[in-house]
Amino acid sequence: MRISRKSIFIIIGVLVLAAIALYANRERFQPGPIQVTHRLHRVGGRFDDPSGVAPILFELDRSARITSIKVVLASEIATNKYAHPLWHMVANTRTAPIRGFLYGMEIPGMHTAVKNATADQLTMEPTYRLLIEAGSLKTQYDFDLASTFRRR
């Protein structure tokens, strides 16, 4: 069976149009940014200790393989790209997908960016910024403890 020249040109034309359509709509195939919410979480252990870190639970809108988590003062990162992190975790292996985590917790597959560092205690007044990276996806989320405690 022989394919005519006309058929070959039609097939090539359809493939070119399909490639153009895919390129023009490439944003539709990329996942949107990760949405984050937070709330107080009542748990046992060191989070109930008033001298420990705040029992803040961050929840994601979908499971994600987190590669970096950082909490900084929002006012500090506004003026300094390399703001001092209050808590900074990085992946040392491929992490399991998670949908949430507690501030200051040890996350399987991750370690603190600075060896033996612990999460700093959060205070009521300032606004904090949570920076999350999951591969090529990056998101940021601002929160403060005063409004968190008022909501409960």
N, C-alpha and C. Protein backbone atom coordinates (compact mmCIF):
# COMPACT_ATOMS: atom_id res chain seq x y z
N MET A 1 0.84 -1.18 0.00
CA MET A 1 0.00 0.00 0.00
C MET A 1 0.88 1.24 0.00
N ARG A 2 0.63 2.08 -0.94
CA ARG A 2 1.44 3.28 -1.10
C ARG A 2 0.66 4.49 -0.61
N ILE A 3 1.34 5.34 0.19
CA ILE A 3 0.71 6.55 0.70
C ILE A 3 1.02 7.68 -0.27
N SER A 4 0.00 8.41 -0.63
CA SER A 4 0.17 9.49 -1.59
C SER A 4 0.85 10.70 -0.92
N ARG A 5 1.41 11.54 -1.76
CA ARG A 5 2.05 12.76 -1.29
C ARG A 5 1.05 13.66 -0.56
N LYS A 6 -0.13 13.72 -1.08
CA LYS A 6 -1.18 14.55 -0.48
C LYS A 6 -1.47 14.09 0.95
N SER A 7 -1.54 12.78 1.18
CA SER A 7 -1.80 12.23 2.52
C SER A 7 -0.65 12.57 3.48
N ILE A 8 0.57 12.50 3.00
CA ILE A 8 1.73 12.82 3.83
C ILE A 8 1.67 14.29 4.25
N PHE A 9 1.36 15.19 3.33
CA PHE A 9 1.27 16.61 3.66
C PHE A 9 0.13 16.89 4.65
N ILE A 10 -0.97 16.18 4.51
CA ILE A 10 -2.09 16.35 5.44
C ILE A 10 -1.68 15.89 6.84
N ILE A 11 -1.04 14.75 6.93
CA ILE A 11 -0.59 14.23 8.23
C ILE A 11 0.41 15.19 8.88
N ILE A 12 1.36 15.68 8.10
CA ILE A 12 2.34 16.64 8.63
C ILE A 12 1.63 17.91 9.09
N GLY A 13 0.68 18.39 8.31
CA GLY A 13 -0.09 19.58 8.67
C GLY A 13 -0.85 19.40 9.98
N VAL A 14 -1.48 18.26 10.14
CA VAL A 14 -2.23 17.97 11.37
C VAL A 14 -1.27 17.91 12.56
N LEU A 15 -0.12 17.28 12.40
CA LEU A 15 0.87 17.19 13.48
C LEU A 15 1.40 18.57 13.87
N VAL A 16 1.65 19.42 12.87
CA VAL A 16 2.13 20.78 13.15
C VAL A 16 1.06 21.57 13.90
N LEU A 17 -0.20 21.47 13.47
CA LEU A 17 -1.29 22.17 14.16
C LEU A 17 -1.46 21.66 15.59
N ALA A 18 -1.33 20.35 15.78
CA ALA A 18 -1.43 19.78 17.14
C ALA A 18 -0.29 20.28 18.01
N ALA A 19 0.92 20.36 17.47
CA ALA A 19 2.06 20.86 18.24
C ALA A 19 1.86 22.33 18.62
N ILE A 20 1.36 23.12 17.70
CA ILE A 20 1.09 24.54 17.99
C ILE A 20 0.02 24.67 19.08
N ALA A 21 -1.04 23.87 18.99
CA ALA A 21 -2.11 23.91 20.00
C ALA A 21 -1.57 23.51 21.37
N LEU A 22 -0.75 22.47 21.43
CA LEU A 22 -0.16 22.06 22.71
C LEU A 22 0.75 23.14 23.28
N TYR A 23 1.56 23.75 22.43
CA TYR A 23 2.47 24.81 22.88
C TYR A 23 1.68 26.02 23.40
N ALA A 24 0.64 26.40 22.70
CA ALA A 24 -0.15 27.56 23.09
C ALA A 24 -0.90 27.33 24.40
N ASN A 25 -1.21 26.08 24.72
CA ASN A 25 -1.97 25.75 25.94
C ASN A 25 -1.12 25.03 26.98
N ARG A 26 0.18 25.21 26.95
CA ARG A 26 1.07 24.48 27.86
C ARG A 26 0.81 24.79 29.33
N GLU A 27 0.30 25.98 29.65
CA GLU A 27 0.02 26.33 31.05
C GLU A 27 -1.06 25.43 31.64
N ARG A 28 -1.97 24.97 30.81
CA ARG A 28 -3.05 24.11 31.29
C ARG A 28 -2.54 22.77 31.79
N PHE A 29 -1.40 22.33 31.32
CA PHE A 29 -0.86 21.03 31.68
C PHE A 29 0.07 21.10 32.89
N GLN A 30 0.43 22.30 33.32
CA GLN A 30 1.29 22.46 34.48
C GLN A 30 0.44 22.58 35.73
N PRO A 31 0.87 21.94 36.82
CA PRO A 31 0.09 22.06 38.05
C PRO A 31 0.15 23.49 38.58
N GLY A 32 -0.94 23.92 39.17
CA GLY A 32 -0.99 25.26 39.75
C GLY A 32 -0.19 25.31 41.04
N PRO A 33 -0.08 26.49 41.62
CA PRO A 33 0.69 26.60 42.87
C PRO A 33 0.02 25.82 44.00
N ILE A 34 0.82 25.37 44.92
CA ILE A 34 0.31 24.66 46.08
C ILE A 34 -0.38 25.67 47.00
N GLN A 35 -1.61 25.37 47.38
CA GLN A 35 -2.35 26.22 48.30
C GLN A 35 -2.10 25.73 49.73
N VAL A 36 -1.87 26.66 50.65
CA VAL A 36 -1.53 26.31 52.04
C VAL A 36 -2.54 26.97 52.97
N THR A 37 -2.92 26.26 54.01
CA THR A 37 -3.70 26.83 55.11
C THR A 37 -3.00 26.42 56.41
N HIS A 38 -3.37 27.06 57.50
CA HIS A 38 -2.79 26.68 58.79
C HIS A 38 -3.85 26.76 59.87
N ARG A 39 -3.59 26.04 60.95
CA ARG A 39 -4.48 26.08 62.11
C ARG A 39 -3.72 25.57 63.32
N LEU A 40 -4.30 25.82 64.49
CA LEU A 40 -3.72 25.27 65.71
C LEU A 40 -3.98 23.78 65.74
N HIS A 41 -3.03 23.04 66.29
CA HIS A 41 -3.17 21.60 66.35
C HIS A 41 -2.86 21.15 67.76
N ARG A 42 -3.77 20.44 68.35
CA ARG A 42 -3.58 19.94 69.71
C ARG A 42 -2.96 18.55 69.63
N VAL A 43 -1.74 18.44 70.07
CA VAL A 43 -1.05 17.15 70.06
C VAL A 43 -0.30 16.98 71.37
N GLY A 44 0.12 15.79 71.63
CA GLY A 44 0.92 15.52 72.83
C GLY A 44 2.38 15.81 72.58
N GLY A 45 3.18 15.60 73.59
CA GLY A 45 4.63 15.76 73.45
C GLY A 45 5.07 17.19 73.59
N ARG A 46 6.17 17.52 72.94
CA ARG A 46 6.80 18.82 73.16
C ARG A 46 5.98 20.00 72.67
N PHE A 47 4.98 19.77 71.81
CA PHE A 47 4.19 20.88 71.32
C PHE A 47 3.21 21.40 72.37
N ASP A 48 2.90 20.60 73.39
CA ASP A 48 2.06 21.08 74.48
C ASP A 48 2.87 21.90 75.48
N ASP A 49 4.17 21.81 75.43
CA ASP A 49 5.05 22.52 76.34
C ASP A 49 5.07 24.00 75.98
N PRO A 50 4.74 24.91 76.93
CA PRO A 50 4.71 26.34 76.60
C PRO A 50 6.07 26.89 76.15
N SER A 51 7.15 26.24 76.51
CA SER A 51 8.46 26.72 76.08
C SER A 51 8.85 26.15 74.71
N GLY A 52 8.03 25.24 74.18
CA GLY A 52 8.32 24.63 72.88
C GLY A 52 7.83 25.50 71.75
N VAL A 53 7.83 24.94 70.56
CA VAL A 53 7.39 25.70 69.40
C VAL A 53 5.87 25.66 69.31
N ALA A 54 5.32 26.57 68.56
CA ALA A 54 3.86 26.68 68.44
C ALA A 54 3.29 25.45 67.74
N PRO A 55 2.12 24.97 68.19
CA PRO A 55 1.49 23.80 67.55
C PRO A 55 0.72 24.20 66.30
N ILE A 56 1.43 24.71 65.30
CA ILE A 56 0.80 25.17 64.06
C ILE A 56 0.88 24.04 63.03
N LEU A 57 -0.27 23.66 62.51
CA LEU A 57 -0.35 22.64 61.47
C LEU A 57 -0.56 23.33 60.14
N PHE A 58 0.33 23.07 59.20
CA PHE A 58 0.19 23.59 57.84
C PHE A 58 -0.38 22.47 56.97
N GLU A 59 -1.43 22.78 56.25
CA GLU A 59 -2.08 21.80 55.40
C GLU A 59 -1.97 22.25 53.94
N LEU A 60 -1.68 21.30 53.07
CA LEU A 60 -1.55 21.56 51.63
C LEU A 60 -2.82 21.08 50.93
N ASP A 61 -3.14 21.69 49.80
CA ASP A 61 -4.35 21.31 49.08
C ASP A 61 -4.20 19.99 48.33
N ARG A 62 -2.98 19.49 48.24
CA ARG A 62 -2.73 18.20 47.59
C ARG A 62 -1.42 17.63 48.12
N SER A 63 -1.21 16.36 47.90
CA SER A 63 0.04 15.74 48.32
C SER A 63 1.18 16.27 47.47
N ALA A 64 2.32 16.50 48.11
CA ALA A 64 3.47 17.01 47.39
C ALA A 64 4.75 16.44 47.98
N ARG A 65 5.73 16.23 47.13
CA ARG A 65 7.07 15.81 47.57
C ARG A 65 7.86 17.08 47.87
N ILE A 66 7.86 17.47 49.12
CA ILE A 66 8.49 18.72 49.54
C ILE A 66 10.01 18.57 49.50
N THR A 67 10.69 19.54 48.90
CA THR A 67 12.15 19.53 48.86
C THR A 67 12.76 20.57 49.79
N SER A 68 11.98 21.58 50.17
CA SER A 68 12.48 22.60 51.09
C SER A 68 11.31 23.28 51.79
N ILE A 69 11.49 23.49 53.10
CA ILE A 69 10.52 24.24 53.91
C ILE A 69 11.32 25.26 54.69
N LYS A 70 10.84 26.51 54.66
CA LYS A 70 11.54 27.56 55.40
C LYS A 70 10.50 28.51 55.98
N VAL A 71 10.69 28.93 57.23
CA VAL A 71 9.86 29.96 57.85
C VAL A 71 10.76 31.12 58.21
N VAL A 72 10.38 32.32 57.75
CA VAL A 72 11.15 33.55 58.02
C VAL A 72 10.18 34.65 58.44
N LEU A 73 10.71 35.71 58.97
CA LEU A 73 9.89 36.89 59.24
C LEU A 73 9.55 37.54 57.91
N ALA A 74 8.28 37.84 57.69
CA ALA A 74 7.85 38.44 56.42
C ALA A 74 8.50 39.81 56.22
N SER A 75 8.64 40.58 57.30
CA SER A 75 9.26 41.90 57.18
C SER A 75 10.74 41.81 56.82
N GLU A 76 11.40 40.77 57.30
CA GLU A 76 12.83 40.61 57.02
C GLU A 76 13.07 40.17 55.59
N ILE A 77 12.25 39.28 55.08
CA ILE A 77 12.47 38.80 53.70
C ILE A 77 12.05 39.85 52.68
N ALA A 78 11.23 40.82 53.09
CA ALA A 78 10.84 41.90 52.18
C ALA A 78 12.03 42.78 51.83
N THR A 79 13.00 42.87 52.75
CA THR A 79 14.17 43.72 52.52
C THR A 79 15.46 42.94 52.33
N ASN A 80 15.43 41.63 52.60
CA ASN A 80 16.64 40.83 52.54
C ASN A 80 16.31 39.48 51.91
N LYS A 81 16.82 39.23 50.71
CA LYS A 81 16.55 37.98 49.99
C LYS A 81 17.01 36.78 50.80
N TYR A 82 18.04 36.95 51.61
CA TYR A 82 18.61 35.86 52.40
C TYR A 82 18.29 36.05 53.88
N ALA A 83 17.01 36.18 54.19
CA ALA A 83 16.57 36.39 55.57
C ALA A 83 16.92 35.18 56.44
N HIS A 84 17.15 35.44 57.71
CA HIS A 84 17.48 34.37 58.67
C HIS A 84 16.27 33.46 58.86
N PRO A 85 16.38 32.16 58.55
CA PRO A 85 15.24 31.27 58.72
C PRO A 85 15.04 30.90 60.19
N LEU A 86 13.79 30.88 60.62
CA LEU A 86 13.46 30.44 61.97
C LEU A 86 13.36 28.92 62.01
N TRP A 87 13.06 28.33 60.86
CA TRP A 87 13.00 26.87 60.71
C TRP A 87 13.27 26.59 59.25
N HIS A 88 14.20 25.68 58.99
CA HIS A 88 14.58 25.40 57.59
C HIS A 88 14.89 23.91 57.45
N MET A 89 14.09 23.24 56.65
CA MET A 89 14.29 21.81 56.37
C MET A 89 14.54 21.63 54.88
N VAL A 90 15.45 20.72 54.54
CA VAL A 90 15.73 20.40 53.15
C VAL A 90 15.69 18.88 52.98
N ALA A 91 15.37 18.45 51.78
CA ALA A 91 15.29 17.01 51.50
C ALA A 91 16.69 16.46 51.27
N ASN A 92 16.95 15.31 51.87
CA ASN A 92 18.23 14.65 51.59
C ASN A 92 18.03 13.45 50.68
N THR A 93 16.80 13.04 50.52
CA THR A 93 16.44 11.97 49.60
C THR A 93 15.12 12.37 48.95
N ARG A 94 14.60 11.49 48.18
CA ARG A 94 13.27 11.75 47.62
C ARG A 94 12.25 11.53 48.73
N THR A 95 11.56 12.56 49.10
CA THR A 95 10.62 12.48 50.21
C THR A 95 9.31 11.84 49.78
N ALA A 96 8.60 11.31 50.74
CA ALA A 96 7.27 10.77 50.47
C ALA A 96 6.30 11.94 50.31
N PRO A 97 5.29 11.80 49.50
CA PRO A 97 4.31 12.88 49.36
C PRO A 97 3.59 13.12 50.70
N ILE A 98 3.45 14.39 51.08
CA ILE A 98 2.75 14.73 52.31
C ILE A 98 1.69 15.78 52.02
N ARG A 99 0.67 15.84 52.87
CA ARG A 99 -0.40 16.83 52.73
C ARG A 99 -0.37 17.86 53.84
N GLY A 100 0.53 17.68 54.81
CA GLY A 100 0.62 18.63 55.89
C GLY A 100 1.75 18.30 56.84
N PHE A 101 2.08 19.26 57.69
CA PHE A 101 3.16 19.08 58.65
C PHE A 101 3.01 20.11 59.76
N LEU A 102 3.59 19.79 60.90
CA LEU A 102 3.61 20.70 62.04
C LEU A 102 4.86 21.55 62.00
N TYR A 103 4.75 22.79 62.43
CA TYR A 103 5.91 23.67 62.52
C TYR A 103 6.92 23.03 63.47
N GLY A 104 8.14 22.88 63.01
CA GLY A 104 9.23 22.36 63.84
C GLY A 104 9.37 20.86 63.87
N MET A 105 8.48 20.13 63.23
CA MET A 105 8.56 18.67 63.30
C MET A 105 9.66 18.12 62.40
N GLU A 106 10.10 16.91 62.72
CA GLU A 106 11.04 16.21 61.86
C GLU A 106 10.23 15.50 60.79
N ILE A 107 10.53 15.80 59.55
CA ILE A 107 9.80 15.22 58.43
C ILE A 107 10.65 14.12 57.82
N PRO A 108 10.10 12.91 57.68
CA PRO A 108 10.88 11.82 57.10
C PRO A 108 11.45 12.18 55.73
N GLY A 109 12.73 11.89 55.54
CA GLY A 109 13.40 12.20 54.27
C GLY A 109 13.97 13.60 54.22
N MET A 110 13.79 14.38 55.30
CA MET A 110 14.30 15.76 55.33
C MET A 110 15.17 15.93 56.58
N HIS A 111 16.03 16.91 56.53
CA HIS A 111 16.87 17.26 57.68
C HIS A 111 16.99 18.77 57.75
N THR A 112 17.43 19.26 58.90
CA THR A 112 17.60 20.70 59.04
C THR A 112 18.73 21.16 58.13
N ALA A 113 18.60 22.35 57.58
CA ALA A 113 19.62 22.88 56.68
C ALA A 113 20.93 23.11 57.43
N VAL A 114 20.83 23.47 58.70
CA VAL A 114 22.00 23.63 59.56
C VAL A 114 21.98 22.48 60.55
N LYS A 115 23.06 21.74 60.62
CA LYS A 115 23.12 20.54 61.45
C LYS A 115 22.75 20.87 62.90
N ASN A 116 21.89 20.03 63.48
CA ASN A 116 21.44 20.12 64.88
C ASN A 116 20.64 21.38 65.19
N ALA A 117 20.18 22.10 64.21
CA ALA A 117 19.36 23.29 64.45
C ALA A 117 17.94 22.86 64.82
N THR A 118 17.28 23.68 65.61
CA THR A 118 15.89 23.43 65.96
C THR A 118 15.06 24.64 65.54
N ALA A 119 13.77 24.45 65.49
CA ALA A 119 12.87 25.55 65.11
C ALA A 119 12.84 26.59 66.23
N ASP A 120 12.92 27.86 65.85
CA ASP A 120 12.82 28.95 66.83
C ASP A 120 11.37 29.08 67.28
N GLN A 121 11.21 29.58 68.49
CA GLN A 121 9.87 29.81 69.01
C GLN A 121 9.25 31.01 68.29
N LEU A 122 7.98 30.88 67.92
CA LEU A 122 7.26 31.95 67.25
C LEU A 122 6.55 32.81 68.29
N THR A 123 6.44 34.10 68.03
CA THR A 123 5.74 35.01 68.93
C THR A 123 4.47 35.52 68.26
N MET A 124 3.63 36.20 69.02
CA MET A 124 2.31 36.60 68.53
C MET A 124 2.34 37.74 67.51
N GLU A 125 3.18 38.73 67.68
CA GLU A 125 3.07 39.96 66.91
C GLU A 125 3.43 39.85 65.43
N PRO A 126 4.61 39.36 65.07
CA PRO A 126 4.99 39.52 63.66
C PRO A 126 4.24 38.59 62.72
N THR A 127 4.32 38.94 61.45
CA THR A 127 3.81 38.07 60.39
C THR A 127 4.98 37.25 59.89
N TYR A 128 4.74 35.97 59.73
CA TYR A 128 5.77 35.05 59.25
C TYR A 128 5.44 34.63 57.83
N ARG A 129 6.46 34.20 57.10
CA ARG A 129 6.26 33.70 55.74
C ARG A 129 6.80 32.28 55.67
N LEU A 130 5.94 31.38 55.23
CA LEU A 130 6.31 29.99 54.99
C LEU A 130 6.66 29.87 53.51
N LEU A 131 7.86 29.38 53.22
CA LEU A 131 8.31 29.18 51.84
C LEU A 131 8.45 27.68 51.60
N ILE A 132 7.74 27.18 50.61
CA ILE A 132 7.76 25.74 50.32
C ILE A 132 8.22 25.54 48.89
N GLU A 133 9.11 24.56 48.71
CA GLU A 133 9.51 24.13 47.38
C GLU A 133 9.20 22.65 47.26
N ALA A 134 8.61 22.28 46.15
CA ALA A 134 8.33 20.88 45.83
C ALA A 134 8.77 20.67 44.40
N GLY A 135 10.04 20.34 44.23
CA GLY A 135 10.59 20.24 42.88
C GLY A 135 10.64 21.62 42.26
N SER A 136 10.01 21.80 41.11
CA SER A 136 10.01 23.10 40.44
C SER A 136 8.90 24.02 40.96
N LEU A 137 7.96 23.48 41.73
CA LEU A 137 6.89 24.30 42.29
C LEU A 137 7.38 25.05 43.52
N LYS A 138 7.04 26.32 43.60
CA LYS A 138 7.39 27.13 44.76
C LYS A 138 6.14 27.88 45.20
N THR A 139 5.96 27.99 46.49
CA THR A 139 4.83 28.75 47.01
C THR A 139 5.23 29.43 48.30
N GLN A 140 4.52 30.47 48.64
CA GLN A 140 4.75 31.17 49.91
C GLN A 140 3.41 31.45 50.55
N TYR A 141 3.43 31.50 51.88
CA TYR A 141 2.19 31.65 52.64
C TYR A 141 2.50 32.48 53.87
N ASP A 142 1.79 33.59 54.05
CA ASP A 142 1.98 34.44 55.22
C ASP A 142 0.99 34.07 56.31
N PHE A 143 1.46 34.07 57.57
CA PHE A 143 0.60 33.76 58.70
C PHE A 143 1.10 34.49 59.93
N ASP A 144 0.22 34.66 60.91
CA ASP A 144 0.62 35.20 62.21
C ASP A 144 -0.12 34.44 63.29
N LEU A 145 0.46 34.37 64.46
CA LEU A 145 -0.13 33.60 65.54
C LEU A 145 -1.31 34.30 66.19
N ALA A 146 -1.31 35.62 66.21
CA ALA A 146 -2.40 36.34 66.87
C ALA A 146 -3.74 36.00 66.22
N SER A 147 -3.82 36.05 64.90
CA SER A 147 -5.09 35.73 64.23
C SER A 147 -5.39 34.24 64.33
N THR A 148 -4.37 33.40 64.39
CA THR A 148 -4.57 31.97 64.52
C THR A 148 -5.23 31.65 65.85
N PHE A 149 -4.78 32.26 66.92
CA PHE A 149 -5.34 32.01 68.23
C PHE A 149 -6.74 32.61 68.36
N ARG A 150 -7.02 33.72 67.67
CA ARG A 150 -8.35 34.32 67.70
C ARG A 150 -9.37 33.44 66.99
N ARG A 151 -8.95 32.73 65.94
CA ARG A 151 -9.85 31.91 65.14
C ARG A 151 -10.31 30.65 65.86
N ARG A 152 -9.55 30.16 66.78
CA ARG A 152 -9.87 28.86 67.38
C ARG A 152 -11.05 28.92 68.23
